[in-house]
């Protein structure tokens, strides 16, 4: 059974679990702008061309690029699609739409075991280091993650490792108070020193999850690399094996610029996952596929709205459902 058929089964299921239903509804609502733009163009293409032709492929290429899937990803994708058309002798564009859904799923998964799950420490605090340029929603993401884990019954601490941006420490402290998380921020301008003291406190307080904010400066990559190296050494010294995750926060509305950020950060530190914020605010939700294809790092969370509950663990099936709902039913 192809992935398209699997999605049809999910949609037609009379008794989807409440939690599953809520997740699907969040993705459906959050990807509305992309779906309206993307699927409507795809459907019109199917009306304009009833038979598969080179002209169809040329217009399909434009539709995919406009969804911000990324030129390289689109070219690889179209090669695979042409291959299947030839092998399976596909002539009908309506059926080809089902193949498109299948192939987009396959291109993301790509037989890899890239996990969208957070790597939790077997004992002691799980340390999650948050990186990203200023203005992408890093501090808000930390607050939303804290809210999620506190709701799950975990004891959470936020550490203010961004000692450079004016107001960053106060902003994080205010989020900590609002979410009920513990907070550590020092007078020191040395981020590594603040993090060192914060982790010592986290161990004493028997915290489950530590979320560490860092400065968002990419202008001088050498300085940032040195700073992150120092921070990583300090974390490893206090909690061996940590950080357990280094999550890069990217604003989805910046499109291809977000991919450049991902490439830059990947060069300077070990990124284990991506958080894509403001996905509901763009019609170019295809960036999820482009990021995975360009940098080979899994998307672990996506922001589908402004509310605390709108930061969702990334799920490729729900994402493709949210992208193609309407075509699937």
Protein backbone atom coordinates (compact mmCIF):
# COMPACT_ATOMS: atom_id res chain seq x y z
CA UNK A 1 0.00 0.00 0.00
CA UNK A 2 1.35 3.43 -1.01
CA UNK A 3 1.57 6.35 1.39
CA UNK A 4 -1.34 8.10 -0.37
CA UNK A 5 -3.60 5.10 0.38
CA UNK A 6 -2.39 5.10 3.97
CA UNK A 7 -3.42 8.76 4.33
CA UNK A 8 -6.81 7.98 2.79
CA UNK A 9 -7.29 5.34 5.47
CA UNK A 10 -6.38 7.86 8.20
CA UNK A 11 -8.88 10.38 6.80
CA UNK A 12 -11.69 7.82 6.43
CA UNK A 13 -11.11 6.24 9.86
CA UNK A 14 -14.26 6.71 11.90
CA UNK A 15 -12.52 6.35 15.24
CA UNK A 16 -9.23 8.19 15.15
CA UNK A 17 -7.83 8.63 18.65
CA UNK A 18 -8.61 12.09 20.08
CA UNK A 19 -4.92 12.94 20.38
CA UNK A 20 -4.26 11.90 16.75
CA UNK A 21 -7.29 13.89 15.63
CA UNK A 22 -6.08 17.01 17.44
CA UNK A 23 -2.61 16.65 15.87
CA UNK A 24 -4.07 16.28 12.38
CA UNK A 25 -6.32 19.30 12.95
CA UNK A 26 -3.32 21.40 14.11
CA UNK A 27 -1.34 20.50 10.99
CA UNK A 28 -4.37 21.08 8.78
CA UNK A 29 -4.94 24.56 10.27
CA UNK A 30 -1.23 25.48 10.48
CA UNK A 31 -0.50 24.56 6.85
CA UNK A 32 -3.60 26.24 5.46
CA UNK A 33 -1.70 29.03 3.64
CA UNK A 34 0.68 26.57 1.97
CA UNK A 35 -2.11 24.13 1.11
CA UNK A 36 -4.35 26.82 -0.41
CA UNK A 37 -1.51 28.02 -2.62
CA UNK A 38 0.14 24.68 -3.40
CA UNK A 39 -2.73 22.21 -3.78
CA UNK A 40 -4.95 24.61 -5.72
CA UNK A 41 -2.15 25.06 -8.28
CA UNK A 42 -1.56 21.31 -8.38
CA UNK A 43 -5.27 20.65 -8.92
CA UNK A 44 -5.46 23.27 -11.68
CA UNK A 45 -2.50 21.59 -13.33
CA UNK A 46 -4.43 18.30 -13.29
CA UNK A 47 -7.39 20.02 -14.98
CA UNK A 48 -5.22 21.78 -17.58
CA UNK A 49 -3.34 18.59 -18.46
CA UNK A 50 -5.26 15.32 -18.30
CA UNK A 51 -2.32 13.43 -19.78
CA UNK A 52 1.25 13.43 -18.46
CA UNK A 53 3.52 15.46 -20.75
CA UNK A 54 6.79 17.42 -20.65
CA UNK A 55 4.74 20.65 -20.43
CA UNK A 56 3.03 19.23 -17.32
CA UNK A 57 6.42 18.51 -15.72
CA UNK A 58 7.68 22.02 -16.54
CA UNK A 59 4.71 23.65 -14.84
CA UNK A 60 4.88 21.21 -11.93
CA UNK A 61 8.51 22.25 -11.43
CA UNK A 62 7.40 25.89 -11.02
CA UNK A 63 4.62 24.96 -8.55
CA UNK A 64 7.09 23.00 -6.38
CA UNK A 65 9.73 25.75 -6.45
CA UNK A 66 7.09 28.35 -5.48
CA UNK A 67 6.26 26.22 -2.41
CA UNK A 68 9.92 26.71 -1.35
CA UNK A 69 10.80 23.04 -1.64
CA UNK A 70 14.18 24.16 -2.99
CA UNK A 71 15.63 23.81 -6.50
CA UNK A 72 17.88 20.80 -5.79
CA UNK A 73 15.10 18.93 -3.98
CA UNK A 74 12.69 19.69 -6.82
CA UNK A 75 15.14 18.44 -9.47
CA UNK A 76 15.79 15.19 -7.56
CA UNK A 77 12.08 14.80 -7.00
CA UNK A 78 11.19 15.31 -10.66
CA UNK A 79 13.84 12.77 -11.72
CA UNK A 80 12.21 10.20 -9.42
CA UNK A 81 8.76 11.11 -10.72
CA UNK A 82 9.78 10.79 -14.38
CA UNK A 83 11.35 7.45 -13.54
CA UNK A 84 8.11 6.14 -12.02
CA UNK A 85 6.02 7.49 -14.91
CA UNK A 86 8.23 5.57 -17.32
CA UNK A 87 8.43 2.34 -15.28
CA UNK A 88 4.72 2.21 -14.41
CA UNK A 89 3.58 3.69 -17.72
CA UNK A 90 1.56 6.43 -15.96
CA UNK A 91 -0.38 8.64 -18.38
CA UNK A 92 -3.21 10.02 -16.21
CA UNK A 93 -2.32 13.23 -14.27
CA UNK A 94 -5.00 12.53 -11.64
CA UNK A 95 -3.27 9.29 -10.70
CA UNK A 96 0.09 11.05 -10.90
CA UNK A 97 -1.08 13.38 -8.09
CA UNK A 98 -1.28 10.33 -5.81
CA UNK A 99 2.25 9.37 -6.88
CA UNK A 100 3.42 12.93 -6.03
CA UNK A 101 2.12 12.52 -2.45
CA UNK A 102 3.90 9.14 -2.19
CA UNK A 103 7.18 10.45 -3.57
CA UNK A 104 7.27 13.57 -1.35
CA UNK A 105 6.93 11.28 1.67
CA UNK A 106 9.68 8.95 0.35
CA UNK A 107 12.04 11.85 -0.42
CA UNK A 108 11.77 13.07 3.22
CA UNK A 109 12.15 9.66 4.83
CA UNK A 110 14.77 8.48 2.27
CA UNK A 111 15.27 5.11 4.02
CA UNK A 112 17.15 6.90 6.81
CA UNK A 113 16.64 6.44 10.51
CA UNK A 114 16.77 10.19 11.18
CA UNK A 115 14.72 10.51 14.34
CA UNK A 116 12.38 13.38 15.08
CA UNK A 117 12.35 12.25 18.74
CA UNK A 118 14.29 14.11 21.42
CA UNK A 119 17.24 12.14 22.79
CA UNK A 120 16.46 11.96 26.50
CA UNK A 121 19.23 11.29 29.05
CA UNK A 122 18.91 7.85 30.70
CA UNK A 123 19.57 9.50 34.08
CA UNK A 124 20.04 13.04 35.38
CA UNK A 125 19.06 16.18 33.48
CA UNK A 126 18.48 16.13 29.72
CA UNK A 127 20.29 19.18 28.34
CA UNK A 128 18.87 20.90 25.25
CA UNK A 129 21.03 23.67 23.78
CA UNK A 130 19.10 26.18 21.67
CA UNK A 131 20.87 28.06 18.87
CA UNK A 132 19.75 30.39 16.08
CA UNK A 133 20.02 33.98 14.87
CA UNK A 134 18.15 36.77 16.66
CA UNK A 135 14.53 37.30 15.75
CA UNK A 136 13.63 33.72 14.78
CA UNK A 137 11.59 33.08 17.95
CA UNK A 138 14.26 31.24 19.96
CA UNK A 139 13.19 32.55 23.39
CA UNK A 140 9.50 31.93 22.67
CA UNK A 141 10.38 28.41 21.49
CA UNK A 142 12.19 27.76 24.79
CA UNK A 143 9.06 28.92 26.64
CA UNK A 144 6.83 26.64 24.53
CA UNK A 145 9.14 23.65 25.08
CA UNK A 146 9.16 24.35 28.84
CA UNK A 147 5.35 24.51 28.80
CA UNK A 148 5.17 21.17 26.94
CA UNK A 149 7.53 19.34 29.32
CA UNK A 150 6.04 20.85 32.50
CA UNK A 151 2.61 19.70 31.28
CA UNK A 152 4.12 16.20 30.97
CA UNK A 153 5.13 16.39 34.63
CA UNK A 154 8.81 17.19 34.10
CA UNK A 155 10.86 19.60 36.22
CA UNK A 156 12.32 22.18 33.82
CA UNK A 157 15.04 24.82 34.13
CA UNK A 158 15.88 27.63 31.71
CA UNK A 159 19.45 28.97 31.61
CA UNK A 160 20.08 32.43 30.14
CA UNK A 161 23.22 31.83 28.08
CA UNK A 162 22.51 34.81 25.79
CA UNK A 163 24.41 37.44 27.76
CA UNK A 164 24.85 39.83 24.80
CA UNK A 165 21.41 40.84 23.57
CA UNK A 166 19.91 43.63 25.66
CA UNK A 167 16.93 42.33 27.62
CA UNK A 168 17.47 38.68 26.68
CA UNK A 169 18.01 37.53 30.30
CA UNK A 170 14.95 39.43 31.59
CA UNK A 171 12.81 38.12 28.72
CA UNK A 172 13.76 34.51 29.49
CA UNK A 173 13.21 35.02 33.22
CA UNK A 174 9.73 36.38 32.54
CA UNK A 175 8.92 33.29 30.39
CA UNK A 176 10.24 31.02 33.16
CA UNK A 177 7.93 32.65 35.71
CA UNK A 178 4.96 32.38 33.34
CA UNK A 179 5.55 28.70 32.53
CA UNK A 180 6.54 27.60 36.04
CA UNK A 181 10.12 26.66 35.09
CA UNK A 182 13.18 27.23 37.28
CA UNK A 183 15.50 29.96 36.00
CA UNK A 184 19.22 30.63 36.13
CA UNK A 185 20.83 33.82 34.85
CA UNK A 186 23.96 35.47 36.21
CA UNK A 187 25.52 38.92 36.18
CA UNK A 188 28.49 37.52 34.26
CA UNK A 189 28.97 38.42 30.61
CA UNK A 190 30.64 35.04 30.05
CA UNK A 191 27.94 32.63 28.76
CA UNK A 192 30.01 29.54 29.66
CA UNK A 193 30.27 30.74 33.27
CA UNK A 194 26.51 31.31 33.55
CA UNK A 195 25.81 27.88 32.03
CA UNK A 196 28.33 26.19 34.36
CA UNK A 197 26.63 27.62 37.46
CA UNK A 198 23.16 26.90 36.04
CA UNK A 199 23.93 23.23 35.39
CA UNK A 200 25.36 22.80 38.90
CA UNK A 201 22.09 24.19 40.25
CA UNK A 202 20.05 21.96 37.90
CA UNK A 203 21.82 18.87 39.30
CA UNK A 204 21.18 19.97 42.89
CA UNK A 205 17.52 20.67 42.13
CA UNK A 206 17.19 17.29 40.33
CA UNK A 207 15.84 18.96 37.22
CA UNK A 208 14.61 16.68 34.38
CA UNK A 209 15.13 19.02 31.43
CA UNK A 210 17.47 22.00 31.02
CA UNK A 211 16.83 24.45 28.16
CA UNK A 212 19.82 26.69 27.42
CA UNK A 213 19.48 29.94 25.47
CA UNK A 214 22.51 31.18 23.49
CA UNK A 215 23.43 34.37 21.63
CA UNK A 216 22.20 34.60 18.06
CA UNK A 217 25.08 36.14 16.18
CA UNK A 218 26.21 34.74 12.85
CA UNK A 219 28.10 37.82 11.62
CA UNK A 220 31.38 36.52 13.00
CA UNK A 221 31.31 32.77 12.61
CA UNK A 222 34.76 32.24 14.15
CA UNK A 223 33.75 33.96 17.41
CA UNK A 224 30.49 32.08 17.59
CA UNK A 225 32.24 28.78 16.90
CA UNK A 226 34.72 29.41 19.73
CA UNK A 227 31.92 30.41 22.07
CA UNK A 228 29.85 27.29 21.28
CA UNK A 229 32.93 25.06 21.62
CA UNK A 230 33.57 26.54 25.08
CA UNK A 231 29.89 26.13 26.05
CA UNK A 232 29.88 22.49 24.86
CA UNK A 233 33.04 21.71 26.86
CA UNK A 234 31.52 23.21 30.02
CA UNK A 235 28.25 21.28 29.55
CA UNK A 236 30.12 17.99 28.97
CA UNK A 237 32.27 18.61 32.06
CA UNK A 238 29.25 19.06 34.37
CA UNK A 239 26.99 16.48 32.70
CA UNK A 240 28.92 13.83 30.70
CA UNK A 241 27.26 13.06 27.37
CA UNK A 242 25.49 16.44 27.25
CA UNK A 243 24.19 18.41 25.45
CA UNK A 244 21.80 15.64 24.46
CA UNK A 245 20.30 17.85 21.74
CA UNK A 246 21.42 21.02 19.97
CA UNK A 247 18.34 22.47 18.31
CA UNK A 248 18.58 25.15 15.64
CA UNK A 249 15.58 27.51 15.54
CA UNK A 250 14.66 28.79 12.06
CA UNK A 251 11.84 31.15 11.07
CA UNK A 252 9.94 29.41 8.23
CA UNK A 253 8.83 32.75 6.77
CA UNK A 254 12.46 33.58 5.83
CA UNK A 255 12.36 30.79 3.24
CA UNK A 256 15.65 29.92 1.58
CA UNK A 257 17.51 32.24 3.98
CA UNK A 258 16.61 29.73 6.70
CA UNK A 259 18.43 27.02 4.76
CA UNK A 260 21.55 29.21 4.55
CA UNK A 261 21.37 29.65 8.34
CA UNK A 262 21.11 25.88 8.79
CA UNK A 263 24.17 25.32 6.58
CA UNK A 264 26.16 27.98 8.47
CA UNK A 265 25.31 26.61 11.92
CA UNK A 266 26.02 23.06 10.78
CA UNK A 267 29.56 24.20 9.90
CA UNK A 268 30.23 25.60 13.37
CA UNK A 269 28.55 23.15 15.75
CA UNK A 270 26.84 19.75 15.88
CA UNK A 271 23.16 20.45 15.16
CA UNK A 272 20.95 17.45 16.02
CA UNK A 273 17.57 18.87 15.09
CA UNK A 274 15.67 21.84 13.71
CA UNK A 275 12.73 23.79 15.13
CA UNK A 276 10.81 25.52 12.35
CA UNK A 277 8.77 28.43 13.75
CA UNK A 278 5.93 30.43 12.14
CA UNK A 279 5.07 27.73 9.59
CA UNK A 280 1.45 28.89 9.80
CA UNK A 281 2.53 32.38 8.63
CA UNK A 282 3.89 31.34 5.23
CA UNK A 283 2.54 29.86 2.00
CA UNK A 284 5.96 28.24 1.50
CA UNK A 285 5.63 25.30 3.87
CA UNK A 286 7.64 23.15 1.46
CA UNK A 287 10.72 24.46 3.29
CA UNK A 288 10.38 21.43 5.62
CA UNK A 289 11.37 19.17 2.71
CA UNK A 290 14.07 21.56 1.46
CA UNK A 291 15.81 21.77 4.84
CA UNK A 292 15.93 18.01 5.27
CA UNK A 293 17.26 17.54 1.73
CA UNK A 294 19.80 20.40 1.95
CA UNK A 295 21.33 19.79 5.38
CA UNK A 296 20.27 16.24 6.31
CA UNK A 297 19.09 17.30 9.78
CA UNK A 298 15.63 16.22 10.94
CA UNK A 299 12.96 18.77 11.82
CA UNK A 300 12.04 17.97 15.44
CA UNK A 301 9.41 20.63 16.17
CA UNK A 302 7.28 22.99 14.12
CA UNK A 303 5.43 26.14 15.15
CA UNK A 304 1.85 26.14 13.86
CA UNK A 305 0.54 29.19 15.73
CA UNK A 306 1.19 31.61 18.57
CA UNK A 307 -0.35 29.68 21.47
CA UNK A 308 1.83 27.64 23.84
CA UNK A 309 0.27 24.41 22.54
CA UNK A 310 1.03 25.33 18.92
CA UNK A 311 4.61 24.05 19.01
CA UNK A 312 4.22 20.46 17.82
CA UNK A 313 6.67 17.53 17.59
CA UNK A 314 7.23 17.12 13.85
CA UNK A 315 5.44 14.21 12.21
CA UNK A 316 5.98 13.64 8.48
CA UNK A 317 2.64 11.83 8.01
CA UNK A 318 0.64 14.65 9.64
CA UNK A 319 2.66 17.20 7.67
CA UNK A 320 1.87 15.60 4.30
CA UNK A 321 -1.75 15.19 5.39
CA UNK A 322 -1.85 18.94 6.25
CA UNK A 323 -0.29 19.75 2.90
CA UNK A 324 -2.60 17.63 0.74
CA UNK A 325 -5.88 17.46 2.66
CA UNK A 326 -8.64 18.00 0.12
CA UNK A 327 -6.77 16.05 -2.53
CA UNK A 328 -6.78 12.99 -0.26
CA UNK A 329 -10.47 12.97 0.64
